[in-house]
Amino acid sequence: MKLLLDENPSDRLVASLADLYPGSEQILTLGLGGAGDDVVWEYARFHGFTIVSKDSDFFDRSVLTGAPPKVIWIRLGNCSTQEVERMLRSKALEMQGFFEDDHETCLRLGR
């Protein structure tokens, strides 16, 4: 599963999670910083990414339009990059099951 990290969380997660999620990217490093949700959505869909965001915008869109792409909504509030990394590592099996489930469009992680 390739993750496309929204503007927040940090791009440092791409390298630190490469062992679990190879091929992942962050939208700022792709030159998509400030791009509208439509652009990010289509990029993820076209390139086979699962969007990871701390904002509800992509969750809302996934409910309305379905997948692809799938969305992982990180619900940790203000937190460190290390906390996001711990969450994504500890939920790797749950995330894999979500990715393989054709009926699920969004996975909420955290609160």
PDB file of N, CA and C in Angstrom:
ATOM      1  N   MET A   1       0.854  -1.177   0.000  1.00  0.00           N
ATOM      2  CA  MET A   1       0.000   0.000   0.000  1.00  0.00           C
ATOM      3  C   MET A   1       0.896   1.234   0.000  1.00  0.00           C
ATOM      4  N   LYS A   2       0.656   2.103  -0.980  1.00  0.00           N
ATOM      5  CA  LYS A   2       1.376   3.370  -1.072  1.00  0.00           C
ATOM      6  C   LYS A   2       0.512   4.453  -0.443  1.00  0.00           C
ATOM      7  N   LEU A   3       1.127   5.230   0.438  1.00  0.00           N
ATOM      8  CA  LEU A   3       0.424   6.313   1.098  1.00  0.00           C
ATOM      9  C   LEU A   3       0.763   7.638   0.431  1.00  0.00           C
ATOM     10  N   LEU A   4      -0.232   8.489   0.293  1.00  0.00           N
ATOM     11  CA  LEU A   4      -0.023   9.860  -0.136  1.00  0.00           C
ATOM     12  C   LEU A   4      -0.372  10.739   1.058  1.00  0.00           C
ATOM     13  N   LEU A   5       0.663  11.267   1.705  1.00  0.00           N
ATOM     14  CA  LEU A   5       0.472  12.085   2.895  1.00  0.00           C
ATOM     15  C   LEU A   5       0.050  13.486   2.493  1.00  0.00           C
ATOM     16  N   ASP A   6      -0.977  13.976   3.135  1.00  0.00           N
ATOM     17  CA  ASP A   6      -1.449  15.340   2.936  1.00  0.00           C
ATOM     18  C   ASP A   6      -0.354  16.304   3.421  1.00  0.00           C
ATOM     19  N   GLU A   7      -0.583  17.611   3.309  1.00  0.00           N
ATOM     20  CA  GLU A   7       0.413  18.601   3.730  1.00  0.00           C
ATOM     21  C   GLU A   7       0.821  18.436   5.184  1.00  0.00           C
ATOM     22  N   ASN A   8      -0.073  18.059   6.012  1.00  0.00           N
ATOM     23  CA  ASN A   8       0.227  17.758   7.400  1.00  0.00           C
ATOM     24  C   ASN A   8      -0.379  16.387   7.618  1.00  0.00           C
ATOM     25  N   PRO A   9       0.352  15.357   7.691  1.00  0.00           N
ATOM     26  CA  PRO A   9       1.606  15.106   8.399  1.00  0.00           C
ATOM     27  C   PRO A   9       2.887  15.365   7.587  1.00  0.00           C
ATOM     28  N   SER A  10       3.991  15.340   8.329  1.00  0.00           N
ATOM     29  CA  SER A  10       5.304  15.699   7.821  1.00  0.00           C
ATOM     30  C   SER A  10       5.792  14.781   6.703  1.00  0.00           C
ATOM     31  N   ASP A  11       6.556  15.370   5.792  1.00  0.00           N
ATOM     32  CA  ASP A  11       7.183  14.599   4.725  1.00  0.00           C
ATOM     33  C   ASP A  11       8.261  13.654   5.251  1.00  0.00           C
ATOM     34  N   ARG A  12       8.744  13.865   6.475  1.00  0.00           N
ATOM     35  CA  ARG A  12       9.742  12.961   7.068  1.00  0.00           C
ATOM     36  C   ARG A  12       9.191  11.555   7.256  1.00  0.00           C
ATOM     37  N   LEU A  13       7.888  11.424   7.305  1.00  0.00           N
ATOM     38  CA  LEU A  13       7.278  10.106   7.476  1.00  0.00           C
ATOM     39  C   LEU A  13       7.508   9.199   6.264  1.00  0.00           C
ATOM     40  N   VAL A  14       7.690   9.770   5.099  1.00  0.00           N
ATOM     41  CA  VAL A  14       7.906   8.959   3.895  1.00  0.00           C
ATOM     42  C   VAL A  14       9.126   8.067   4.096  1.00  0.00           C
ATOM     43  N   ALA A  15      10.235   8.646   4.550  1.00  0.00           N
ATOM     44  CA  ALA A  15      11.462   7.870   4.760  1.00  0.00           C
ATOM     45  C   ALA A  15      11.347   6.954   5.970  1.00  0.00           C
ATOM     46  N   SER A  16      10.763   7.454   7.050  1.00  0.00           N
ATOM     47  CA  SER A  16      10.717   6.651   8.279  1.00  0.00           C
ATOM     48  C   SER A  16       9.748   5.471   8.182  1.00  0.00           C
ATOM     49  N   LEU A  17       8.806   5.521   7.251  1.00  0.00           N
ATOM     50  CA  LEU A  17       7.844   4.429   7.085  1.00  0.00           C
ATOM     51  C   LEU A  17       8.072   3.614   5.813  1.00  0.00           C
ATOM     52  N   ALA A  18       9.177   3.854   5.139  1.00  0.00           N
ATOM     53  CA  ALA A  18       9.446   3.196   3.850  1.00  0.00           C
ATOM     54  C   ALA A  18       9.487   1.675   3.965  1.00  0.00           C
ATOM     55  N   ASP A  19       9.845   1.155   5.138  1.00  0.00           N
ATOM     56  CA  ASP A  19       9.887  -0.304   5.309  1.00  0.00           C
ATOM     57  C   ASP A  19       8.488  -0.916   5.274  1.00  0.00           C
ATOM     58  N   LEU A  20       7.478  -0.186   5.729  1.00  0.00           N
ATOM     59  CA  LEU A  20       6.099  -0.684   5.730  1.00  0.00           C
ATOM     60  C   LEU A  20       5.290  -0.233   4.515  1.00  0.00           C
ATOM     61  N   TYR A  21       5.561   0.964   4.052  1.00  0.00           N
ATOM     62  CA  TYR A  21       4.760   1.567   2.988  1.00  0.00           C
ATOM     63  C   TYR A  21       5.680   2.093   1.879  1.00  0.00           C
ATOM     64  N   PRO A  22       6.362   1.189   1.169  1.00  0.00           N
ATOM     65  CA  PRO A  22       7.268   1.639   0.102  1.00  0.00           C
ATOM     66  C   PRO A  22       6.507   2.336  -1.012  1.00  0.00           C
ATOM     67  N   GLY A  23       7.158   3.327  -1.608  1.00  0.00           N
ATOM     68  CA  GLY A  23       6.535   4.064  -2.702  1.00  0.00           C
ATOM     69  C   GLY A  23       5.641   5.198  -2.250  1.00  0.00           C
ATOM     70  N   SER A  24       5.575   5.425  -0.944  1.00  0.00           N
ATOM     71  CA  SER A  24       4.740   6.506  -0.420  1.00  0.00           C
ATOM     72  C   SER A  24       5.358   7.863  -0.750  1.00  0.00           C
ATOM     73  N   GLU A  25       4.509   8.888  -0.742  1.00  0.00           N
ATOM     74  CA  GLU A  25       4.936  10.256  -1.057  1.00  0.00           C
ATOM     75  C   GLU A  25       4.176  11.231  -0.162  1.00  0.00           C
ATOM     76  N   GLN A  26       4.621  12.481  -0.182  1.00  0.00           N
ATOM     77  CA  GLN A  26       3.928  13.553   0.513  1.00  0.00           C
ATOM     78  C   GLN A  26       3.650  14.650  -0.499  1.00  0.00           C
ATOM     79  N   ILE A  27       2.492  15.263  -0.441  1.00  0.00           N
ATOM     80  CA  ILE A  27       2.085  16.154  -1.521  1.00  0.00           C
ATOM     81  C   ILE A  27       3.007  17.361  -1.688  1.00  0.00           C
ATOM     82  N   LEU A  28       3.631  17.836  -0.626  1.00  0.00           N
ATOM     83  CA  LEU A  28       4.541  18.972  -0.777  1.00  0.00           C
ATOM     84  C   LEU A  28       5.754  18.592  -1.616  1.00  0.00           C
ATOM     85  N   THR A  29       6.289  17.400  -1.397  1.00  0.00           N
ATOM     86  CA  THR A  29       7.472  16.976  -2.158  1.00  0.00           C
ATOM     87  C   THR A  29       7.134  16.654  -3.613  1.00  0.00           C
ATOM     88  N   LEU A  30       5.864  16.462  -3.900  1.00  0.00           N
ATOM     89  CA  LEU A  30       5.421  16.227  -5.280  1.00  0.00           C
ATOM     90  C   LEU A  30       5.073  17.528  -6.007  1.00  0.00           C
ATOM     91  N   GLY A  31       5.211  18.656  -5.300  1.00  0.00           N
ATOM     92  CA  GLY A  31       4.862  19.940  -5.898  1.00  0.00           C
ATOM     93  C   GLY A  31       3.377  20.227  -5.883  1.00  0.00           C
ATOM     94  N   LEU A  32       2.639  19.519  -5.031  1.00  0.00           N
ATOM     95  CA  LEU A  32       1.190  19.710  -4.953  1.00  0.00           C
ATOM     96  C   LEU A  32       0.761  20.528  -3.737  1.00  0.00           C
ATOM     97  N   GLY A  33       1.716  21.158  -3.072  1.00  0.00           N
ATOM     98  CA  GLY A  33       1.377  21.987  -1.920  1.00  0.00           C
ATOM     99  C   GLY A  33       0.431  23.103  -2.318  1.00  0.00           C
ATOM    100  N   GLY A  34      -0.638  23.268  -1.584  1.00  0.00           N
ATOM    101  CA  GLY A  34      -1.621  24.293  -1.889  1.00  0.00           C
ATOM    102  C   GLY A  34      -2.613  23.899  -2.980  1.00  0.00           C
ATOM    103  N   ALA A  35      -2.415  22.721  -3.562  1.00  0.00           N
ATOM    104  CA  ALA A  35      -3.357  22.264  -4.591  1.00  0.00           C
ATOM    105  C   ALA A  35      -4.704  21.966  -3.947  1.00  0.00           C
ATOM    106  N   GLY A  36      -5.746  22.131  -4.701  1.00  0.00           N
ATOM    107  CA  GLY A  36      -7.082  21.843  -4.196  1.00  0.00           C
ATOM    108  C   GLY A  36      -7.278  20.357  -3.950  1.00  0.00           C
ATOM    109  N   ASP A  37      -8.262  20.051  -3.144  1.00  0.00           N
ATOM    110  CA  ASP A  37      -8.564  18.649  -2.834  1.00  0.00           C
ATOM    111  C   ASP A  37      -8.858  17.840  -4.092  1.00  0.00           C
ATOM    112  N   ASP A  38      -9.491  18.463  -5.088  1.00  0.00           N
ATOM    113  CA  ASP A  38      -9.787  17.758  -6.340  1.00  0.00           C
ATOM    114  C   ASP A  38      -8.512  17.268  -7.011  1.00  0.00           C
ATOM    115  N   VAL A  39      -7.487  18.115  -7.032  1.00  0.00           N
ATOM    116  CA  VAL A  39      -6.219  17.772  -7.675  1.00  0.00           C
ATOM    117  C   VAL A  39      -5.548  16.634  -6.931  1.00  0.00           C
ATOM    118  N   VAL A  40      -5.501  16.736  -5.599  1.00  0.00           N
ATOM    119  CA  VAL A  40      -4.875  15.692  -4.782  1.00  0.00           C
ATOM    120  C   VAL A  40      -5.638  14.380  -4.931  1.00  0.00           C
ATOM    121  N   TRP A  41      -6.948  14.442  -4.909  1.00  0.00           N
ATOM    122  CA  TRP A  41      -7.796  13.255  -5.052  1.00  0.00           C
ATOM    123  C   TRP A  41      -7.508  12.539  -6.373  1.00  0.00           C
ATOM    124  N   GLU A  42      -7.497  13.294  -7.457  1.00  0.00           N
ATOM    125  CA  GLU A  42      -7.266  12.708  -8.776  1.00  0.00           C
ATOM    126  C   GLU A  42      -5.842  12.165  -8.903  1.00  0.00           C
ATOM    127  N   TYR A  43      -4.873  12.871  -8.322  1.00  0.00           N
ATOM    128  CA  TYR A  43      -3.492  12.379  -8.353  1.00  0.00           C
ATOM    129  C   TYR A  43      -3.419  11.027  -7.642  1.00  0.00           C
ATOM    130  N   ALA A  44      -4.004  10.951  -6.456  1.00  0.00           N
ATOM    131  CA  ALA A  44      -3.984   9.696  -5.693  1.00  0.00           C
ATOM    132  C   ALA A  44      -4.696   8.588  -6.453  1.00  0.00           C
ATOM    133  N   ARG A  45      -5.830   8.885  -7.028  1.00  0.00           N
ATOM    134  CA  ARG A  45      -6.596   7.884  -7.775  1.00  0.00           C
ATOM    135  C   ARG A  45      -5.804   7.379  -8.980  1.00  0.00           C
ATOM    136  N   PHE A  46      -5.233   8.281  -9.736  1.00  0.00           N
ATOM    137  CA  PHE A  46      -4.508   7.925 -10.952  1.00  0.00           C
ATOM    138  C   PHE A  46      -3.242   7.115 -10.656  1.00  0.00           C
ATOM    139  N   HIS A  47      -2.573   7.439  -9.527  1.00  0.00           N
ATOM    140  CA  HIS A  47      -1.290   6.808  -9.203  1.00  0.00           C
ATOM    141  C   HIS A  47      -1.392   5.686  -8.169  1.00  0.00           C
ATOM    142  N   GLY A  48      -2.599   5.340  -7.755  1.00  0.00           N
ATOM    143  CA  GLY A  48      -2.788   4.201  -6.863  1.00  0.00           C
ATOM    144  C   GLY A  48      -2.387   4.427  -5.419  1.00  0.00           C
ATOM    145  N   PHE A  49      -2.551   5.639  -4.930  1.00  0.00           N
ATOM    146  CA  PHE A  49      -2.225   5.966  -3.544  1.00  0.00           C
ATOM    147  C   PHE A  49      -3.458   5.878  -2.647  1.00  0.00           C
ATOM    148  N   THR A  50      -3.212   5.652  -1.373  1.00  0.00           N
ATOM    149  CA  THR A  50      -4.194   5.832  -0.319  1.00  0.00           C
ATOM    150  C   THR A  50      -3.859   7.161   0.356  1.00  0.00           C
ATOM    151  N   ILE A  51      -4.817   8.068   0.445  1.00  0.00           N
ATOM    152  CA  ILE A  51      -4.580   9.389   1.040  1.00  0.00           C
ATOM    153  C   ILE A  51      -4.578   9.276   2.560  1.00  0.00           C
ATOM    154  N   VAL A  52      -3.578   9.902   3.193  1.00  0.00           N
ATOM    155  CA  VAL A  52      -3.500   9.981   4.654  1.00  0.00           C
ATOM    156  C   VAL A  52      -3.575  11.452   5.020  1.00  0.00           C
ATOM    157  N   SER A  53      -4.577  11.798   5.826  1.00  0.00           N
ATOM    158  CA  SER A  53      -4.788  13.199   6.175  1.00  0.00           C
ATOM    159  C   SER A  53      -5.246  13.326   7.623  1.00  0.00           C
ATOM    160  N   LYS A  54      -4.957  14.488   8.198  1.00  0.00           N
ATOM    161  CA  LYS A  54      -5.465  14.809   9.531  1.00  0.00           C
ATOM    162  C   LYS A  54      -6.732  15.654   9.436  1.00  0.00           C
ATOM    163  N   ASP A  55      -7.125  16.027   8.231  1.00  0.00           N
ATOM    164  CA  ASP A  55      -8.315  16.847   8.013  1.00  0.00           C
ATOM    165  C   ASP A  55      -9.492  15.966   7.611  1.00  0.00           C
ATOM    166  N   SER A  56     -10.682  16.452   7.882  1.00  0.00           N
ATOM    167  CA  SER A  56     -11.887  15.680   7.561  1.00  0.00           C
ATOM    168  C   SER A  56     -12.306  15.807   6.095  1.00  0.00           C
ATOM    169  N   ASP A  57     -11.696  16.718   5.342  1.00  0.00           N
ATOM    170  CA  ASP A  57     -12.128  16.969   3.956  1.00  0.00           C
ATOM    171  C   ASP A  57     -12.127  15.703   3.101  1.00  0.00           C
ATOM    172  N   PHE A  58     -11.034  14.941   3.170  1.00  0.00           N
ATOM    173  CA  PHE A  58     -10.954  13.738   2.343  1.00  0.00           C
ATOM    174  C   PHE A  58     -11.883  12.640   2.861  1.00  0.00           C
ATOM    175  N   PHE A  59     -12.090  12.593   4.174  1.00  0.00           N
ATOM    176  CA  PHE A  59     -13.069  11.659   4.725  1.00  0.00           C
ATOM    177  C   PHE A  59     -14.445  11.960   4.141  1.00  0.00           C
ATOM    178  N   ASP A  60     -14.831  13.222   4.182  1.00  0.00           N
ATOM    179  CA  ASP A  60     -16.133  13.627   3.657  1.00  0.00           C
ATOM    180  C   ASP A  60     -16.280  13.246   2.186  1.00  0.00           C
ATOM    181  N   ARG A  61     -15.243  13.503   1.428  1.00  0.00           N
ATOM    182  CA  ARG A  61     -15.280  13.185  -0.007  1.00  0.00           C
ATOM    183  C   ARG A  61     -15.397  11.679  -0.228  1.00  0.00           C
ATOM    184  N   SER A  62     -14.693  10.887   0.587  1.00  0.00           N
ATOM    185  CA  SER A  62     -14.744   9.430   0.409  1.00  0.00           C
ATOM    186  C   SER A  62     -16.143   8.891   0.690  1.00  0.00           C
ATOM    187  N   VAL A  63     -16.840   9.504   1.641  1.00  0.00           N
ATOM    188  CA  VAL A  63     -18.203   9.084   1.948  1.00  0.00           C
ATOM    189  C   VAL A  63     -19.129   9.417   0.777  1.00  0.00           C
ATOM    190  N   LEU A  64     -18.916  10.574   0.164  1.00  0.00           N
ATOM    191  CA  LEU A  64     -19.780  11.013  -0.935  1.00  0.00           C
ATOM    192  C   LEU A  64     -19.499  10.298  -2.251  1.00  0.00           C
ATOM    193  N   THR A  65     -18.219  10.082  -2.561  1.00  0.00           N
ATOM    194  CA  THR A  65     -17.878   9.570  -3.894  1.00  0.00           C
ATOM    195  C   THR A  65     -17.360   8.143  -3.899  1.00  0.00           C
ATOM    196  N   GLY A  66     -16.990   7.621  -2.739  1.00  0.00           N
ATOM    197  CA  GLY A  66     -16.430   6.276  -2.696  1.00  0.00           C
ATOM    198  C   GLY A  66     -14.981   6.243  -3.129  1.00  0.00           C
ATOM    199  N   ALA A  67     -14.447   5.058  -3.229  1.00  0.00           N
ATOM    200  CA  ALA A  67     -13.049   4.859  -3.603  1.00  0.00           C
ATOM    201  C   ALA A  67     -12.994   4.336  -5.031  1.00  0.00           C
ATOM    202  N   PRO A  68     -11.884   4.440  -5.712  1.00  0.00           N
ATOM    203  CA  PRO A  68     -10.607   4.959  -5.217  1.00  0.00           C
ATOM    204  C   PRO A  68     -10.537   6.477  -5.295  1.00  0.00           C
ATOM    205  N   PRO A  69      -9.616   7.063  -4.584  1.00  0.00           N
ATOM    206  CA  PRO A  69      -8.691   6.445  -3.647  1.00  0.00           C
ATOM    207  C   PRO A  69      -9.349   6.214  -2.295  1.00  0.00           C
ATOM    208  N   LYS A  70      -8.713   5.372  -1.525  1.00  0.00           N
ATOM    209  CA  LYS A  70      -9.134   5.176  -0.144  1.00  0.00           C
ATOM    210  C   LYS A  70      -8.492   6.264   0.706  1.00  0.00           C
ATOM    211  N   VAL A  71      -9.063   6.488   1.897  1.00  0.00           N
ATOM    212  CA  VAL A  71      -8.593   7.563   2.775  1.00  0.00           C
ATOM    213  C   VAL A  71      -8.361   7.013   4.173  1.00  0.00           C
ATOM    214  N   ILE A  72      -7.236   7.399   4.748  1.00  0.00           N
ATOM    215  CA  ILE A  72      -6.958   7.127   6.158  1.00  0.00           C
ATOM    216  C   ILE A  72      -6.954   8.473   6.866  1.00  0.00           C
ATOM    217  N   TRP A  73      -7.878   8.601   7.812  1.00  0.00           N
ATOM    218  CA  TRP A  73      -8.066   9.856   8.550  1.00  0.00           C
ATOM    219  C   TRP A  73      -7.401   9.710   9.906  1.00  0.00           C
ATOM    220  N   ILE A  74      -6.316  10.452  10.109  1.00  0.00           N
ATOM    221  CA  ILE A  74      -5.579  10.440  11.376  1.00  0.00           C
ATOM    222  C   ILE A  74      -6.257  11.426  12.323  1.00  0.00           C
ATOM    223  N   ARG A  75      -6.805  10.903  13.408  1.00  0.00           N
ATOM    224  CA  ARG A  75      -7.531  11.746  14.361  1.00  0.00           C
ATOM    225  C   ARG A  75      -6.771  11.803  15.682  1.00  0.00           C
ATOM    226  N   LEU A  76      -5.649  12.495  15.668  1.00  0.00           N
ATOM    227  CA  LEU A  76      -4.832  12.621  16.876  1.00  0.00           C
ATOM    228  C   LEU A  76      -4.749  14.057  17.374  1.00  0.00           C
ATOM    229  N   GLY A  77      -5.380  15.002  16.698  1.00  0.00           N
ATOM    230  CA  GLY A  77      -5.271  16.397  17.112  1.00  0.00           C
ATOM    231  C   GLY A  77      -3.840  16.880  16.930  1.00  0.00           C
ATOM    232  N   ASN A  78      -3.443  17.862  17.727  1.00  0.00           N
ATOM    233  CA  ASN A  78      -2.061  18.328  17.681  1.00  0.00           C
ATOM    234  C   ASN A  78      -1.165  17.254  18.256  1.00  0.00           C
ATOM    235  N   CYS A  79      -0.226  16.788  17.451  1.00  0.00           N
ATOM    236  CA  CYS A  79       0.661  15.727  17.892  1.00  0.00           C
ATOM    237  C   CYS A  79       1.964  15.809  17.112  1.00  0.00           C
ATOM    238  N   SER A  80       2.929  15.067  17.572  1.00  0.00           N
ATOM    239  CA  SER A  80       4.233  15.068  16.920  1.00  0.00           C
ATOM    240  C   SER A  80       4.252  14.109  15.732  1.00  0.00           C
ATOM    241  N   THR A  81       5.252  14.282  14.904  1.00  0.00           N
ATOM    242  CA  THR A  81       5.467  13.368  13.777  1.00  0.00           C
ATOM    243  C   THR A  81       5.695  11.954  14.293  1.00  0.00           C
ATOM    244  N   GLN A  82       6.394  11.833  15.416  1.00  0.00           N
ATOM    245  CA  GLN A  82       6.658  10.511  15.999  1.00  0.00           C
ATOM    246  C   GLN A  82       5.365   9.827  16.429  1.00  0.00           C
ATOM    247  N   GLU A  83       4.407  10.592  16.929  1.00  0.00           N
ATOM    248  CA  GLU A  83       3.121  10.002  17.315  1.00  0.00           C
ATOM    249  C   GLU A  83       2.358   9.499  16.092  1.00  0.00           C
ATOM    250  N   VAL A  84       2.416  10.241  15.015  1.00  0.00           N
ATOM    251  CA  VAL A  84       1.763   9.795  13.780  1.00  0.00           C
ATOM    252  C   VAL A  84       2.461   8.536  13.271  1.00  0.00           C
ATOM    253  N   GLU A  85       3.781   8.522  13.307  1.00  0.00           N
ATOM    254  CA  GLU A  85       4.511   7.334  12.872  1.00  0.00           C
ATOM    255  C   GLU A  85       4.143   6.121  13.720  1.00  0.00           C
ATOM    256  N   ARG A  86       4.107   6.292  15.036  1.00  0.00           N
ATOM    257  CA  ARG A  86       3.721   5.174  15.920  1.00  0.00           C
ATOM    258  C   ARG A  86       2.326   4.661  15.571  1.00  0.00           C
ATOM    259  N   MET A  87       1.404   5.567  15.307  1.00  0.00           N
ATOM    260  CA  MET A  87       0.041   5.177  14.956  1.00  0.00           C
ATOM    261  C   MET A  87       0.040   4.363  13.654  1.00  0.00           C
ATOM    262  N   LEU A  88       0.723   4.863  12.629  1.00  0.00           N
ATOM    263  CA  LEU A  88       0.729   4.182  11.338  1.00  0.00           C
ATOM    264  C   LEU A  88       1.449   2.834  11.413  1.00  0.00           C
ATOM    265  N   ARG A  89       2.433   2.716  12.276  1.00  0.00           N
ATOM    266  CA  ARG A  89       3.115   1.433  12.468  1.00  0.00           C
ATOM    267  C   ARG A  89       2.234   0.461  13.254  1.00  0.00           C
ATOM    268  N   SER A  90       1.646   0.938  14.327  1.00  0.00           N
ATOM    269  CA  SER A  90       0.861   0.043  15.189  1.00  0.00           C
ATOM    270  C   SER A  90      -0.421  -0.437  14.508  1.00  0.00           C
ATOM    271  N   LYS A  91      -0.898   0.292  13.530  1.00  0.00           N
ATOM    272  CA  LYS A  91      -2.144  -0.055  12.834  1.00  0.00           C
ATOM    273  C   LYS A  91      -1.898  -0.660  11.457  1.00  0.00           C
ATOM    274  N   ALA A  92      -0.674  -1.102  11.188  1.00  0.00           N
ATOM    275  CA  ALA A  92      -0.318  -1.605   9.853  1.00  0.00           C
ATOM    276  C   ALA A  92      -1.215  -2.765   9.415  1.00  0.00           C
ATOM    277  N   LEU A  93      -1.488  -3.719  10.301  1.00  0.00           N
ATOM    278  CA  LEU A  93      -2.339  -4.856   9.921  1.00  0.00           C
ATOM    279  C   LEU A  93      -3.775  -4.414   9.667  1.00  0.00           C
ATOM    280  N   GLU A  94      -4.281  -3.530  10.507  1.00  0.00           N
ATOM    281  CA  GLU A  94      -5.630  -2.995  10.312  1.00  0.00           C
ATOM    282  C   GLU A  94      -5.712  -2.232   8.987  1.00  0.00           C
ATOM    283  N   MET A  95      -4.673  -1.461   8.689  1.00  0.00           N
ATOM    284  CA  MET A  95      -4.648  -0.707   7.446  1.00  0.00           C
ATOM    285  C   MET A  95      -4.600  -1.642   6.240  1.00  0.00           C
ATOM    286  N   GLN A  96      -3.851  -2.721   6.323  1.00  0.00           N
ATOM    287  CA  GLN A  96      -3.776  -3.664   5.218  1.00  0.00           C
ATOM    288  C   GLN A  96      -5.140  -4.312   4.969  1.00  0.00           C
ATOM    289  N   GLY A  97      -5.826  -4.698   6.048  1.00  0.00           N
ATOM    290  CA  GLY A  97      -7.172  -5.247   5.915  1.00  0.00           C
ATOM    291  C   GLY A  97      -8.124  -4.249   5.284  1.00  0.00           C
ATOM    292  N   PHE A  98      -8.032  -3.002   5.699  1.00  0.00           N
ATOM    293  CA  PHE A  98      -8.855  -1.936   5.123  1.00  0.00           C
ATOM    294  C   PHE A  98      -8.582  -1.789   3.635  1.00  0.00           C
ATOM    295  N   PHE A  99      -7.308  -1.792   3.273  1.00  0.00           N
ATOM    296  CA  PHE A  99      -6.939  -1.624   1.878  1.00  0.00           C
ATOM    297  C   PHE A  99      -7.477  -2.760   1.007  1.00  0.00           C
ATOM    298  N   GLU A 100      -7.516  -3.950   1.547  1.00  0.00           N
ATOM    299  CA  GLU A 100      -7.972  -5.116   0.793  1.00  0.00           C
ATOM    300  C   GLU A 100      -9.497  -5.257   0.751  1.00  0.00           C
ATOM    301  N   ASP A 101     -10.204  -4.521   1.604  1.00  0.00           N
ATOM    302  CA  ASP A 101     -11.666  -4.582   1.658  1.00  0.00           C
ATOM    303  C   ASP A 101     -12.261  -3.667   0.586  1.00  0.00           C
ATOM    304  N   ASP A 102     -12.930  -4.252  -0.389  1.00  0.00           N
ATOM    305  CA  ASP A 102     -13.478  -3.479  -1.504  1.00  0.00           C
ATOM    306  C   ASP A 102     -14.638  -2.571  -1.108  1.00  0.00           C
ATOM    307  N   HIS A 103     -15.227  -2.782   0.057  1.00  0.00           N
ATOM    308  CA  HIS A 103     -16.396  -2.001   0.454  1.00  0.00           C
ATOM    309  C   HIS A 103     -16.063  -0.784   1.309  1.00  0.00           C
ATOM    310  N   GLU A 104     -14.914  -0.784   1.948  1.00  0.00           N
ATOM    311  CA  GLU A 104     -14.538   0.329   2.833  1.00  0.00           C
ATOM    312  C   GLU A 104     -13.868   1.436   2.041  1.00  0.00           C
ATOM    313  N   THR A 105     -14.205   2.681   2.355  1.00  0.00           N
ATOM    314  CA  THR A 105     -13.594   3.827   1.671  1.00  0.00           C
ATOM    315  C   THR A 105     -12.705   4.658   2.577  1.00  0.00           C
ATOM    316  N   CYS A 106     -12.978   4.654   3.892  1.00  0.00           N
ATOM    317  CA  CYS A 106     -12.214   5.474   4.811  1.00  0.00           C
ATOM    318  C   CYS A 106     -11.982   4.729   6.113  1.00  0.00           C
ATOM    319  N   LEU A 107     -10.774   4.868   6.625  1.00  0.00           N
ATOM    320  CA  LEU A 107     -10.399   4.284   7.904  1.00  0.00           C
ATOM    321  C   LEU A 107     -10.027   5.408   8.856  1.00  0.00           C
ATOM    322  N   ARG A 108     -10.677   5.470   9.989  1.00  0.00           N
ATOM    323  CA  ARG A 108     -10.368   6.468  11.019  1.00  0.00           C
ATOM    324  C   ARG A 108      -9.405   5.847  12.003  1.00  0.00           C
ATOM    325  N   LEU A 109      -8.296   6.534  12.244  1.00  0.00           N
ATOM    326  CA  LEU A 109      -7.315   6.091  13.234  1.00  0.00           C
ATOM    327  C   LEU A 109      -7.181   7.157  14.311  1.00  0.00           C
ATOM    328  N   GLY A 110      -7.278   6.765  15.548  1.00  0.00           N
ATOM    329  CA  GLY A 110      -7.150   7.715  16.652  1.00  0.00           C
ATOM    330  C   GLY A 110      -8.474   7.912  17.346  1.00  0.00           C
ATOM    331  N   ARG A 111      -8.635   9.074  17.912  1.00  0.00           N
ATOM    332  CA  ARG A 111      -9.794   9.404  18.753  1.00  0.00           C
ATOM    333  C   ARG A 111     -11.107   9.276  18.058  1.00  0.00           C
TER     334      ARG A 111
END
